[in-house]
C-alpha atoms as a PDB file:
ATOM      1  CA  MET A   1      -2.553  22.549 -13.201  1.00  0.00           C
ATOM      2  CA  VAL A   2      -1.854  20.528 -10.092  1.00  0.00           C
ATOM      3  CA  ALA A   3      -2.928  17.146 -11.495  1.00  0.00           C
ATOM      4  CA  PRO A   4       0.176  16.560 -13.687  1.00  0.00           C
ATOM      5  CA  ILE A   5       2.468  17.335 -10.740  1.00  0.00           C
ATOM      6  CA  ILE A   6       0.581  14.925  -8.484  1.00  0.00           C
ATOM      7  CA  GLU A   7       0.682  12.216 -11.147  1.00  0.00           C
ATOM      8  CA  GLU A   8       4.435  12.728 -11.571  1.00  0.00           C
ATOM      9  CA  LEU A   9       5.067  12.500  -7.813  1.00  0.00           C
ATOM     10  CA  ALA A  10       2.922   9.379  -7.585  1.00  0.00           C
ATOM     11  CA  ALA A  11       4.983   7.772 -10.347  1.00  0.00           C
ATOM     12  CA  VAL A  12       8.283   8.703  -8.663  1.00  0.00           C
ATOM     13  CA  PHE A  13       7.227   7.130  -5.357  1.00  0.00           C
ATOM     14  CA  GLY A  14       5.397   4.167  -6.901  1.00  0.00           C
ATOM     15  CA  ILE A  15       2.024   5.156  -5.481  1.00  0.00           C
ATOM     16  CA  ARG A  16      -0.811   3.223  -7.066  1.00  0.00           C
ATOM     17  CA  SER A  17      -3.540   3.490  -4.470  1.00  0.00           C
ATOM     18  CA  ILE A  18      -4.839   5.848  -1.844  1.00  0.00           C
ATOM     19  CA  PRO A  19      -4.057   5.875   0.989  1.00  0.00           C
ATOM     20  CA  SER A  20      -0.331   5.296   0.605  1.00  0.00           C
ATOM     21  CA  ILE A  21       2.060   5.914   3.471  1.00  0.00           C
ATOM     22  CA  LEU A  22       5.805   6.183   2.956  1.00  0.00           C
ATOM     23  CA  PHE A  23       7.695   5.358   6.150  1.00  0.00           C
ATOM     24  CA  ILE A  24      11.238   6.782   6.083  1.00  0.00           C
ATOM     25  CA  PRO A  25      13.222   5.769   9.159  1.00  0.00           C
ATOM     26  CA  SER A  26      16.458   7.726   9.655  1.00  0.00           C
ATOM     27  CA  ASP A  27      18.686   4.626   9.750  1.00  0.00           C
ATOM     28  CA  ASN A  28      16.918   2.188   7.443  1.00  0.00           C
ATOM     29  CA  GLN A  29      15.363   1.801   4.016  1.00  0.00           C
ATOM     30  CA  PRO A  30      12.056   3.544   3.278  1.00  0.00           C
ATOM     31  CA  GLN A  31       9.004   1.286   3.194  1.00  0.00           C
ATOM     32  CA  MET A  32       5.695   1.879   1.444  1.00  0.00           C
ATOM     33  CA  ALA A  33       2.359   0.821   2.878  1.00  0.00           C
ATOM     34  CA  MET A  34      -0.525   0.915   0.403  1.00  0.00           C
ATOM     35  CA  GLY A  35      -4.203   0.743   1.159  1.00  0.00           C
ATOM     36  CA  ALA A  36      -6.083   1.038   4.408  1.00  0.00           C
ATOM     37  CA  LEU A  37      -4.216  -0.476   7.348  1.00  0.00           C
ATOM     38  CA  PRO A  38      -5.562  -1.318  10.789  1.00  0.00           C
ATOM     39  CA  LYS A  39      -4.584   0.996  13.638  1.00  0.00           C
ATOM     40  CA  LEU A  40      -2.609  -1.819  15.290  1.00  0.00           C
ATOM     41  CA  THR A  41      -0.470  -2.208  12.158  1.00  0.00           C
ATOM     42  CA  PHE A  42       0.429   1.500  12.219  1.00  0.00           C
ATOM     43  CA  LYS A  43       1.392   1.228  15.877  1.00  0.00           C
ATOM     44  CA  GLU A  44       3.576  -1.809  15.180  1.00  0.00           C
ATOM     45  CA  VAL A  45       5.368  -0.125  12.265  1.00  0.00           C
ATOM     46  CA  ILE A  46       6.014   3.035  14.264  1.00  0.00           C
ATOM     47  CA  ARG A  47       7.287   0.992  17.208  1.00  0.00           C
ATOM     48  CA  ASP A  48       9.423  -1.421  15.164  1.00  0.00           C
ATOM     49  CA  LYS A  49      10.822   0.860  12.454  1.00  0.00           C
ATOM     50  CA  PHE A  50      11.163   4.111  14.385  1.00  0.00           C
ATOM     51  CA  GLY A  51      11.684   2.849  17.925  1.00  0.00           C
ATOM     52  CA  VAL A  52       8.838   4.969  19.239  1.00  0.00           C
ATOM     53  CA  ALA A  53       6.783   3.407  21.995  1.00  0.00           C
ATOM     54  CA  GLU A  54       3.166   4.267  22.647  1.00  0.00           C
ATOM     55  CA  PRO A  55       2.949   6.898  25.398  1.00  0.00           C
ATOM     56  CA  THR A  56       1.735   5.746  28.793  1.00  0.00           C
ATOM     57  CA  ASN A  57      -0.657   8.062  30.564  1.00  0.00           C
END
């Protein structure tokens, strides 16, 4: 069954709600974001933690 494996992974990563996003920057500590986040928050995290700017068209 898949369910026990998913439950074990959730316990390892401390996931208690869906959606849960684990941000793992290459030069910093991983950070967990739980629950629904606004689009602006995702953009800020990606910009601040990963140094990736929003593309300009």
